[in-house]
Amino acid sequence: MIEHSTSNSSVKIGEKVEDFTLLDDEGKAFHLYKHLGTKNLVLFFYPKDDTPGCIKEVCFFRDEYEVFNDLNAQIVGVSNDDKESHTKFKTKYALPFKLLSDEKNRVRQLFKVKSNLFGLLPGRVTFIIDKTGILQYVFDSHLNIKKHVDESIRILKELN
C-alpha cells in the first residue's frame, strides 16, 4: 500500500471509492466505474476554470499527458463550473482529458474535498485510484500546483 500525503479527505487509502456520475465537457455522462478496469485514474479537483492557478495546473497535466498515457493512467479534472465553461477552457488550452462538472459539489463532498483560504476557494486535491477502484494516494496542496502532477507520476510509477 502506498502512503498518502496529509489531506483533508476522509476517503481512506486502501478502500474502494464510491461510484459517481457527472457530466463531462461534452455533456456526456461520466460514470466512474465504467472508466475503471483498464487504467488507473488521476482524479484532480481544482477551484475554477480560467483562473491563474488552475490554468497552470491543467497545463502541467496537459504537458505530461503522454507520460500519464505511458503509465496507463487516465486524467480527469473536476470543478463546479458548468459544461459551457469547461468546453471553452478545454478548447482554449488544448486539454486532452475530460473535465467534469460538479455544479452542486456533490462529488467534491463525496471525496470530502474541503475549501481553502477561509472557505473562499474550493480545495485543490488529487486522488490516484487504481484499476479496481481502490484509492491509492491523496495529495492536497492549494499552493504547490506542479507537485500534483509530479506526485501523480511518482505514485503511478510505483503502481506499475
N, C-alpha and C. Protein backbone atom coordinates (compact mmCIF):
# COMPACT_ATOMS: atom_id res chain seq x y z
N MET A 1 0.84 -1.18 0.00
CA MET A 1 0.00 0.00 0.00
C MET A 1 0.88 1.24 0.00
N ILE A 2 0.47 2.23 -0.74
CA ILE A 2 1.22 3.47 -0.87
C ILE A 2 0.73 4.46 0.18
N GLU A 3 1.66 5.09 0.85
CA GLU A 3 1.31 6.10 1.84
C GLU A 3 0.78 7.35 1.14
N HIS A 4 0.03 8.14 1.83
CA HIS A 4 -0.51 9.36 1.26
C HIS A 4 -0.02 10.58 2.02
N SER A 5 -0.11 11.69 1.34
CA SER A 5 0.27 12.95 1.99
C SER A 5 -0.86 13.41 2.90
N THR A 6 -0.58 14.41 3.68
CA THR A 6 -1.60 14.98 4.56
C THR A 6 -2.75 15.52 3.71
N SER A 7 -3.94 15.23 4.12
CA SER A 7 -5.11 15.64 3.34
C SER A 7 -6.30 15.88 4.24
N ASN A 8 -7.21 16.72 3.78
CA ASN A 8 -8.48 16.92 4.46
C ASN A 8 -9.45 15.80 4.16
N SER A 9 -9.14 14.97 3.19
CA SER A 9 -10.06 13.95 2.72
C SER A 9 -10.29 12.88 3.78
N SER A 10 -11.53 12.41 3.88
CA SER A 10 -11.80 11.29 4.77
C SER A 10 -11.94 10.00 3.98
N VAL A 11 -11.78 10.07 2.66
CA VAL A 11 -11.72 8.87 1.85
C VAL A 11 -10.42 8.17 2.24
N LYS A 12 -10.50 6.92 2.58
CA LYS A 12 -9.35 6.22 3.14
C LYS A 12 -8.54 5.48 2.08
N ILE A 13 -7.22 5.61 2.20
CA ILE A 13 -6.31 4.87 1.35
C ILE A 13 -6.56 3.38 1.56
N GLY A 14 -6.62 2.63 0.47
CA GLY A 14 -6.84 1.19 0.54
C GLY A 14 -8.30 0.78 0.48
N GLU A 15 -9.20 1.75 0.48
CA GLU A 15 -10.63 1.45 0.38
C GLU A 15 -11.14 1.73 -1.02
N LYS A 16 -12.19 1.04 -1.39
CA LYS A 16 -12.83 1.27 -2.68
C LYS A 16 -13.58 2.60 -2.65
N VAL A 17 -13.39 3.40 -3.69
CA VAL A 17 -14.09 4.68 -3.74
C VAL A 17 -15.53 4.45 -4.21
N GLU A 18 -16.38 5.33 -3.80
CA GLU A 18 -17.79 5.23 -4.18
C GLU A 18 -17.96 5.69 -5.63
N ASP A 19 -18.83 5.02 -6.35
CA ASP A 19 -19.11 5.37 -7.74
C ASP A 19 -19.83 6.71 -7.79
N PHE A 20 -19.66 7.41 -8.90
CA PHE A 20 -20.39 8.65 -9.13
C PHE A 20 -20.57 8.85 -10.62
N THR A 21 -21.50 9.73 -10.95
CA THR A 21 -21.75 10.12 -12.34
C THR A 21 -21.85 11.63 -12.41
N LEU A 22 -21.09 12.22 -13.33
CA LEU A 22 -21.15 13.66 -13.60
C LEU A 22 -21.13 13.88 -15.09
N LEU A 23 -21.59 15.04 -15.53
CA LEU A 23 -21.49 15.38 -16.95
C LEU A 23 -20.10 15.90 -17.26
N ASP A 24 -19.58 15.48 -18.43
CA ASP A 24 -18.26 15.95 -18.84
C ASP A 24 -18.39 17.19 -19.72
N ASP A 25 -17.27 17.66 -20.23
CA ASP A 25 -17.24 18.89 -21.02
C ASP A 25 -17.98 18.77 -22.35
N GLU A 26 -18.35 17.56 -22.75
CA GLU A 26 -19.13 17.35 -23.97
C GLU A 26 -20.61 17.12 -23.66
N GLY A 27 -20.97 17.18 -22.38
CA GLY A 27 -22.34 16.96 -21.98
C GLY A 27 -22.70 15.49 -21.85
N LYS A 28 -21.70 14.61 -21.89
CA LYS A 28 -21.93 13.17 -21.76
C LYS A 28 -21.75 12.75 -20.30
N ALA A 29 -22.49 11.72 -19.92
CA ALA A 29 -22.38 11.20 -18.56
C ALA A 29 -21.06 10.45 -18.39
N PHE A 30 -20.32 10.82 -17.36
CA PHE A 30 -19.09 10.13 -17.00
C PHE A 30 -19.40 9.31 -15.76
N HIS A 31 -19.36 7.98 -15.89
CA HIS A 31 -19.60 7.07 -14.77
C HIS A 31 -18.24 6.55 -14.32
N LEU A 32 -17.84 6.85 -13.12
CA LEU A 32 -16.53 6.46 -12.63
C LEU A 32 -16.24 4.99 -12.88
N TYR A 33 -17.13 4.12 -12.46
CA TYR A 33 -16.85 2.68 -12.53
C TYR A 33 -16.74 2.17 -13.97
N LYS A 34 -17.33 2.88 -14.92
CA LYS A 34 -17.19 2.47 -16.32
C LYS A 34 -15.80 2.82 -16.86
N HIS A 35 -15.06 3.68 -16.15
CA HIS A 35 -13.74 4.09 -16.60
C HIS A 35 -12.63 3.35 -15.87
N LEU A 36 -13.00 2.48 -14.97
CA LEU A 36 -12.01 1.68 -14.26
C LEU A 36 -11.89 0.32 -14.94
N GLY A 37 -10.88 -0.42 -14.57
CA GLY A 37 -10.72 -1.77 -15.12
C GLY A 37 -9.51 -1.89 -16.03
N THR A 38 -9.27 -0.89 -16.85
CA THR A 38 -8.13 -0.97 -17.76
C THR A 38 -7.04 0.05 -17.44
N LYS A 39 -7.41 1.15 -16.81
CA LYS A 39 -6.44 2.19 -16.49
C LYS A 39 -6.61 2.67 -15.05
N ASN A 40 -5.52 3.15 -14.48
CA ASN A 40 -5.60 3.86 -13.21
C ASN A 40 -6.17 5.24 -13.51
N LEU A 41 -6.70 5.88 -12.50
CA LEU A 41 -7.35 7.17 -12.70
C LEU A 41 -6.70 8.23 -11.81
N VAL A 42 -6.36 9.35 -12.43
CA VAL A 42 -5.89 10.53 -11.71
C VAL A 42 -7.07 11.50 -11.70
N LEU A 43 -7.70 11.63 -10.57
CA LEU A 43 -8.88 12.48 -10.41
C LEU A 43 -8.45 13.71 -9.63
N PHE A 44 -8.42 14.86 -10.33
CA PHE A 44 -7.98 16.06 -9.62
C PHE A 44 -9.10 17.09 -9.55
N PHE A 45 -9.31 17.59 -8.34
CA PHE A 45 -10.29 18.64 -8.08
C PHE A 45 -9.55 19.96 -8.09
N TYR A 46 -10.10 20.93 -8.80
CA TYR A 46 -9.47 22.25 -8.87
C TYR A 46 -10.55 23.31 -8.65
N PRO A 47 -10.16 24.53 -8.24
CA PRO A 47 -11.16 25.54 -7.87
C PRO A 47 -12.04 26.07 -8.99
N LYS A 48 -11.44 26.55 -10.11
CA LYS A 48 -12.28 27.25 -11.10
C LYS A 48 -11.58 27.35 -12.44
N ASP A 49 -12.35 27.15 -13.51
CA ASP A 49 -11.83 27.31 -14.87
C ASP A 49 -11.28 28.71 -15.08
N ASP A 50 -10.23 28.76 -15.86
CA ASP A 50 -9.66 30.02 -16.37
C ASP A 50 -9.19 30.99 -15.28
N THR A 51 -8.74 30.46 -14.16
CA THR A 51 -8.11 31.28 -13.13
C THR A 51 -6.62 30.94 -13.14
N PRO A 52 -5.76 31.85 -12.71
CA PRO A 52 -4.31 31.65 -12.87
C PRO A 52 -3.76 30.32 -12.36
N GLY A 53 -4.06 29.95 -11.13
CA GLY A 53 -3.54 28.69 -10.59
C GLY A 53 -4.09 27.48 -11.32
N CYS A 54 -5.36 27.54 -11.68
CA CYS A 54 -5.99 26.41 -12.35
C CYS A 54 -5.49 26.27 -13.79
N ILE A 55 -5.21 27.37 -14.44
CA ILE A 55 -4.61 27.31 -15.77
C ILE A 55 -3.27 26.60 -15.68
N LYS A 56 -2.46 26.99 -14.70
CA LYS A 56 -1.16 26.33 -14.53
C LYS A 56 -1.33 24.84 -14.29
N GLU A 57 -2.25 24.48 -13.41
CA GLU A 57 -2.42 23.08 -13.06
C GLU A 57 -2.85 22.25 -14.27
N VAL A 58 -3.88 22.67 -14.97
CA VAL A 58 -4.34 21.87 -16.11
C VAL A 58 -3.28 21.80 -17.20
N CYS A 59 -2.52 22.88 -17.37
CA CYS A 59 -1.46 22.87 -18.39
C CYS A 59 -0.31 21.97 -17.97
N PHE A 60 0.00 21.88 -16.68
CA PHE A 60 1.01 20.92 -16.21
C PHE A 60 0.54 19.50 -16.52
N PHE A 61 -0.73 19.19 -16.24
CA PHE A 61 -1.26 17.86 -16.57
C PHE A 61 -1.24 17.64 -18.09
N ARG A 62 -1.64 18.65 -18.85
CA ARG A 62 -1.63 18.55 -20.31
C ARG A 62 -0.23 18.25 -20.84
N ASP A 63 0.75 18.98 -20.34
CA ASP A 63 2.11 18.85 -20.84
C ASP A 63 2.72 17.48 -20.53
N GLU A 64 2.21 16.80 -19.52
CA GLU A 64 2.70 15.46 -19.16
C GLU A 64 1.73 14.35 -19.59
N TYR A 65 0.78 14.70 -20.44
CA TYR A 65 -0.28 13.77 -20.83
C TYR A 65 0.28 12.45 -21.37
N GLU A 66 1.29 12.52 -22.21
CA GLU A 66 1.86 11.29 -22.79
C GLU A 66 2.53 10.43 -21.72
N VAL A 67 3.13 11.07 -20.73
CA VAL A 67 3.73 10.32 -19.62
C VAL A 67 2.63 9.55 -18.89
N PHE A 68 1.50 10.20 -18.64
CA PHE A 68 0.38 9.53 -17.99
C PHE A 68 -0.15 8.38 -18.85
N ASN A 69 -0.24 8.59 -20.15
CA ASN A 69 -0.66 7.51 -21.05
C ASN A 69 0.29 6.33 -20.95
N ASP A 70 1.59 6.62 -20.98
CA ASP A 70 2.59 5.56 -20.88
C ASP A 70 2.51 4.82 -19.56
N LEU A 71 2.03 5.49 -18.53
CA LEU A 71 1.87 4.87 -17.21
C LEU A 71 0.48 4.24 -17.05
N ASN A 72 -0.25 4.14 -18.15
CA ASN A 72 -1.57 3.50 -18.16
C ASN A 72 -2.55 4.19 -17.22
N ALA A 73 -2.58 5.53 -17.32
CA ALA A 73 -3.47 6.30 -16.44
C ALA A 73 -4.31 7.29 -17.24
N GLN A 74 -5.51 7.48 -16.78
CA GLN A 74 -6.43 8.46 -17.34
C GLN A 74 -6.51 9.64 -16.38
N ILE A 75 -6.45 10.85 -16.94
CA ILE A 75 -6.56 12.09 -16.15
C ILE A 75 -7.98 12.63 -16.28
N VAL A 76 -8.57 13.05 -15.16
CA VAL A 76 -9.89 13.66 -15.17
C VAL A 76 -9.90 14.82 -14.17
N GLY A 77 -10.30 16.01 -14.64
CA GLY A 77 -10.39 17.17 -13.78
C GLY A 77 -11.83 17.42 -13.37
N VAL A 78 -12.02 17.94 -12.16
CA VAL A 78 -13.36 18.22 -11.63
C VAL A 78 -13.39 19.61 -11.00
N SER A 79 -14.38 20.40 -11.39
CA SER A 79 -14.66 21.66 -10.69
C SER A 79 -16.17 21.86 -10.73
N ASN A 80 -16.64 22.93 -10.10
CA ASN A 80 -18.09 23.16 -10.11
C ASN A 80 -18.53 24.04 -11.27
N ASP A 81 -17.63 24.28 -12.24
CA ASP A 81 -18.02 25.03 -13.44
C ASP A 81 -18.96 24.21 -14.31
N ASP A 82 -19.77 24.88 -15.10
CA ASP A 82 -20.71 24.17 -15.96
C ASP A 82 -20.05 23.68 -17.25
N LYS A 83 -20.78 22.91 -18.02
CA LYS A 83 -20.28 22.31 -19.25
C LYS A 83 -19.74 23.36 -20.21
N GLU A 84 -20.45 24.46 -20.38
CA GLU A 84 -20.02 25.50 -21.32
C GLU A 84 -18.68 26.10 -20.91
N SER A 85 -18.51 26.35 -19.63
CA SER A 85 -17.24 26.87 -19.14
C SER A 85 -16.12 25.86 -19.39
N HIS A 86 -16.39 24.59 -19.08
CA HIS A 86 -15.40 23.54 -19.31
C HIS A 86 -15.02 23.43 -20.79
N THR A 87 -16.02 23.51 -21.66
CA THR A 87 -15.76 23.39 -23.09
C THR A 87 -14.83 24.51 -23.56
N LYS A 88 -15.10 25.72 -23.15
CA LYS A 88 -14.24 26.86 -23.52
C LYS A 88 -12.84 26.70 -22.95
N PHE A 89 -12.76 26.33 -21.69
CA PHE A 89 -11.48 26.16 -21.01
C PHE A 89 -10.65 25.06 -21.68
N LYS A 90 -11.30 23.95 -21.96
CA LYS A 90 -10.62 22.81 -22.59
C LYS A 90 -10.10 23.19 -23.98
N THR A 91 -10.91 23.89 -24.75
CA THR A 91 -10.52 24.31 -26.09
C THR A 91 -9.40 25.33 -26.04
N LYS A 92 -9.54 26.33 -25.19
CA LYS A 92 -8.55 27.41 -25.08
C LYS A 92 -7.15 26.89 -24.76
N TYR A 93 -7.05 25.84 -23.92
CA TYR A 93 -5.75 25.33 -23.50
C TYR A 93 -5.43 23.96 -24.09
N ALA A 94 -6.20 23.52 -25.08
CA ALA A 94 -5.97 22.25 -25.79
C ALA A 94 -5.77 21.10 -24.80
N LEU A 95 -6.74 20.95 -23.91
CA LEU A 95 -6.65 19.91 -22.90
C LEU A 95 -7.12 18.58 -23.47
N PRO A 96 -6.29 17.54 -23.38
CA PRO A 96 -6.64 16.24 -23.97
C PRO A 96 -7.41 15.31 -23.05
N PHE A 97 -7.84 15.80 -21.89
CA PHE A 97 -8.54 14.96 -20.92
C PHE A 97 -9.89 15.58 -20.57
N LYS A 98 -10.72 14.77 -19.95
CA LYS A 98 -12.07 15.20 -19.59
C LYS A 98 -12.07 16.14 -18.40
N LEU A 99 -13.02 17.09 -18.45
CA LEU A 99 -13.31 17.95 -17.32
C LEU A 99 -14.76 17.67 -16.93
N LEU A 100 -14.99 17.42 -15.66
CA LEU A 100 -16.33 17.09 -15.18
C LEU A 100 -16.94 18.25 -14.43
N SER A 101 -18.24 18.43 -14.62
CA SER A 101 -18.99 19.50 -13.95
C SER A 101 -19.66 18.96 -12.69
N ASP A 102 -19.22 19.48 -11.57
CA ASP A 102 -19.77 19.12 -10.27
C ASP A 102 -20.44 20.37 -9.69
N GLU A 103 -21.45 20.85 -10.42
CA GLU A 103 -22.07 22.13 -10.09
C GLU A 103 -22.68 22.19 -8.69
N LYS A 104 -23.13 21.06 -8.19
CA LYS A 104 -23.73 21.03 -6.85
C LYS A 104 -22.73 20.56 -5.78
N ASN A 105 -21.46 20.41 -6.19
CA ASN A 105 -20.39 19.96 -5.29
C ASN A 105 -20.68 18.62 -4.63
N ARG A 106 -21.49 17.81 -5.29
CA ARG A 106 -21.85 16.51 -4.73
C ARG A 106 -20.64 15.57 -4.65
N VAL A 107 -19.85 15.52 -5.73
CA VAL A 107 -18.70 14.62 -5.75
C VAL A 107 -17.57 15.20 -4.89
N ARG A 108 -17.44 16.50 -4.89
CA ARG A 108 -16.46 17.16 -4.01
C ARG A 108 -16.77 16.78 -2.55
N GLN A 109 -18.05 16.76 -2.19
CA GLN A 109 -18.44 16.37 -0.83
C GLN A 109 -18.23 14.88 -0.61
N LEU A 110 -18.51 14.07 -1.63
CA LEU A 110 -18.30 12.62 -1.54
C LEU A 110 -16.84 12.31 -1.20
N PHE A 111 -15.92 13.04 -1.83
CA PHE A 111 -14.50 12.85 -1.60
C PHE A 111 -13.97 13.72 -0.45
N LYS A 112 -14.85 14.47 0.19
CA LYS A 112 -14.51 15.32 1.33
C LYS A 112 -13.40 16.32 0.99
N VAL A 113 -13.50 16.92 -0.19
CA VAL A 113 -12.54 17.96 -0.59
C VAL A 113 -13.02 19.27 0.00
N LYS A 114 -12.29 19.75 0.98
CA LYS A 114 -12.69 20.96 1.70
C LYS A 114 -12.17 22.22 1.02
N SER A 115 -12.83 23.32 1.33
CA SER A 115 -12.41 24.62 0.82
C SER A 115 -11.15 25.08 1.54
N ASN A 116 -10.43 25.95 0.86
CA ASN A 116 -9.20 26.53 1.42
C ASN A 116 -9.38 28.03 1.59
N LEU A 117 -8.38 28.65 2.16
CA LEU A 117 -8.35 30.10 2.34
C LEU A 117 -9.65 30.63 2.95
N PHE A 118 -9.91 30.16 4.17
CA PHE A 118 -11.08 30.61 4.93
C PHE A 118 -12.40 30.28 4.24
N GLY A 119 -12.40 29.20 3.47
CA GLY A 119 -13.62 28.77 2.80
C GLY A 119 -13.95 29.54 1.54
N LEU A 120 -13.04 30.39 1.08
CA LEU A 120 -13.31 31.20 -0.12
C LEU A 120 -13.06 30.45 -1.42
N LEU A 121 -12.12 29.52 -1.42
CA LEU A 121 -11.78 28.79 -2.64
C LEU A 121 -12.03 27.30 -2.45
N PRO A 122 -12.67 26.68 -3.44
CA PRO A 122 -12.79 25.22 -3.38
C PRO A 122 -11.39 24.60 -3.33
N GLY A 123 -11.26 23.48 -2.67
CA GLY A 123 -9.96 22.84 -2.50
C GLY A 123 -9.36 22.30 -3.78
N ARG A 124 -8.03 22.10 -3.74
CA ARG A 124 -7.27 21.54 -4.85
C ARG A 124 -6.65 20.24 -4.33
N VAL A 125 -7.26 19.11 -4.70
CA VAL A 125 -6.83 17.81 -4.20
C VAL A 125 -6.80 16.82 -5.37
N THR A 126 -5.75 15.99 -5.39
CA THR A 126 -5.61 14.97 -6.42
C THR A 126 -5.69 13.58 -5.77
N PHE A 127 -6.48 12.71 -6.39
CA PHE A 127 -6.65 11.33 -5.94
C PHE A 127 -6.14 10.38 -7.01
N ILE A 128 -5.41 9.35 -6.60
CA ILE A 128 -4.99 8.29 -7.52
C ILE A 128 -5.83 7.07 -7.15
N ILE A 129 -6.61 6.62 -8.12
CA ILE A 129 -7.49 5.46 -7.94
C ILE A 129 -7.01 4.38 -8.88
N ASP A 130 -6.76 3.18 -8.36
CA ASP A 130 -6.25 2.13 -9.23
C ASP A 130 -7.37 1.52 -10.08
N LYS A 131 -6.99 0.60 -10.95
CA LYS A 131 -7.92 0.00 -11.92
C LYS A 131 -9.10 -0.70 -11.26
N THR A 132 -8.93 -1.12 -10.01
CA THR A 132 -10.00 -1.83 -9.31
C THR A 132 -10.89 -0.91 -8.49
N GLY A 133 -10.58 0.40 -8.51
CA GLY A 133 -11.39 1.36 -7.76
C GLY A 133 -10.89 1.62 -6.35
N ILE A 134 -9.69 1.13 -6.04
CA ILE A 134 -9.12 1.33 -4.70
C ILE A 134 -8.32 2.63 -4.68
N LEU A 135 -8.58 3.45 -3.68
CA LEU A 135 -7.84 4.70 -3.54
C LEU A 135 -6.42 4.38 -3.09
N GLN A 136 -5.44 4.84 -3.87
CA GLN A 136 -4.04 4.56 -3.58
C GLN A 136 -3.29 5.75 -3.01
N TYR A 137 -3.74 6.96 -3.31
CA TYR A 137 -2.96 8.13 -2.91
C TYR A 137 -3.83 9.38 -2.94
N VAL A 138 -3.55 10.30 -2.03
CA VAL A 138 -4.23 11.60 -1.99
C VAL A 138 -3.17 12.67 -1.82
N PHE A 139 -3.23 13.70 -2.63
CA PHE A 139 -2.32 14.83 -2.48
C PHE A 139 -3.15 16.10 -2.39
N ASP A 140 -2.94 16.86 -1.32
CA ASP A 140 -3.73 18.05 -1.03
C ASP A 140 -2.79 19.23 -0.85
N SER A 141 -2.78 20.12 -1.82
CA SER A 141 -1.97 21.34 -1.70
C SER A 141 -2.57 22.39 -2.60
N HIS A 142 -2.95 23.50 -1.99
CA HIS A 142 -3.52 24.57 -2.79
C HIS A 142 -2.43 25.40 -3.47
N LEU A 143 -1.26 25.45 -2.86
CA LEU A 143 -0.22 26.34 -3.37
C LEU A 143 0.82 25.64 -4.23
N ASN A 144 1.13 24.39 -3.97
CA ASN A 144 2.16 23.69 -4.72
C ASN A 144 1.52 22.96 -5.90
N ILE A 145 1.15 23.72 -6.91
CA ILE A 145 0.35 23.22 -8.03
C ILE A 145 1.07 22.16 -8.85
N LYS A 146 2.32 22.41 -9.20
CA LYS A 146 3.07 21.47 -10.04
C LYS A 146 3.24 20.12 -9.36
N LYS A 147 3.31 20.13 -8.03
CA LYS A 147 3.53 18.88 -7.31
C LYS A 147 2.36 17.90 -7.47
N HIS A 148 1.18 18.40 -7.81
CA HIS A 148 0.05 17.49 -8.07
C HIS A 148 0.41 16.55 -9.22
N VAL A 149 1.04 17.09 -10.24
CA VAL A 149 1.44 16.29 -11.40
C VAL A 149 2.63 15.41 -11.04
N ASP A 150 3.64 16.00 -10.41
CA ASP A 150 4.85 15.25 -10.06
C ASP A 150 4.54 14.08 -9.13
N GLU A 151 3.72 14.31 -8.13
CA GLU A 151 3.36 13.24 -7.19
C GLU A 151 2.53 12.16 -7.88
N SER A 152 1.63 12.56 -8.77
CA SER A 152 0.82 11.59 -9.50
C SER A 152 1.71 10.67 -10.33
N ILE A 153 2.67 11.24 -11.02
CA ILE A 153 3.58 10.44 -11.84
C ILE A 153 4.39 9.49 -10.95
N ARG A 154 4.88 10.00 -9.83
CA ARG A 154 5.68 9.16 -8.92
C ARG A 154 4.87 7.97 -8.42
N ILE A 155 3.65 8.22 -8.02
CA ILE A 155 2.81 7.14 -7.49
C ILE A 155 2.44 6.13 -8.59
N LEU A 156 2.12 6.63 -9.77
CA LEU A 156 1.77 5.73 -10.87
C LEU A 156 2.94 4.84 -11.25
N LYS A 157 4.15 5.37 -11.18
CA LYS A 157 5.34 4.54 -11.44
C LYS A 157 5.44 3.43 -10.39
N GLU A 158 5.14 3.74 -9.15
CA GLU A 158 5.15 2.73 -8.09
C GLU A 158 4.08 1.68 -8.32
N LEU A 159 2.92 2.09 -8.79
CA LEU A 159 1.82 1.14 -9.04
C LEU A 159 2.14 0.20 -10.19
N ASN A 160 2.90 0.71 -11.15
CA ASN A 160 3.27 -0.12 -12.32
C ASN A 160 4.45 -0.97 -11.95
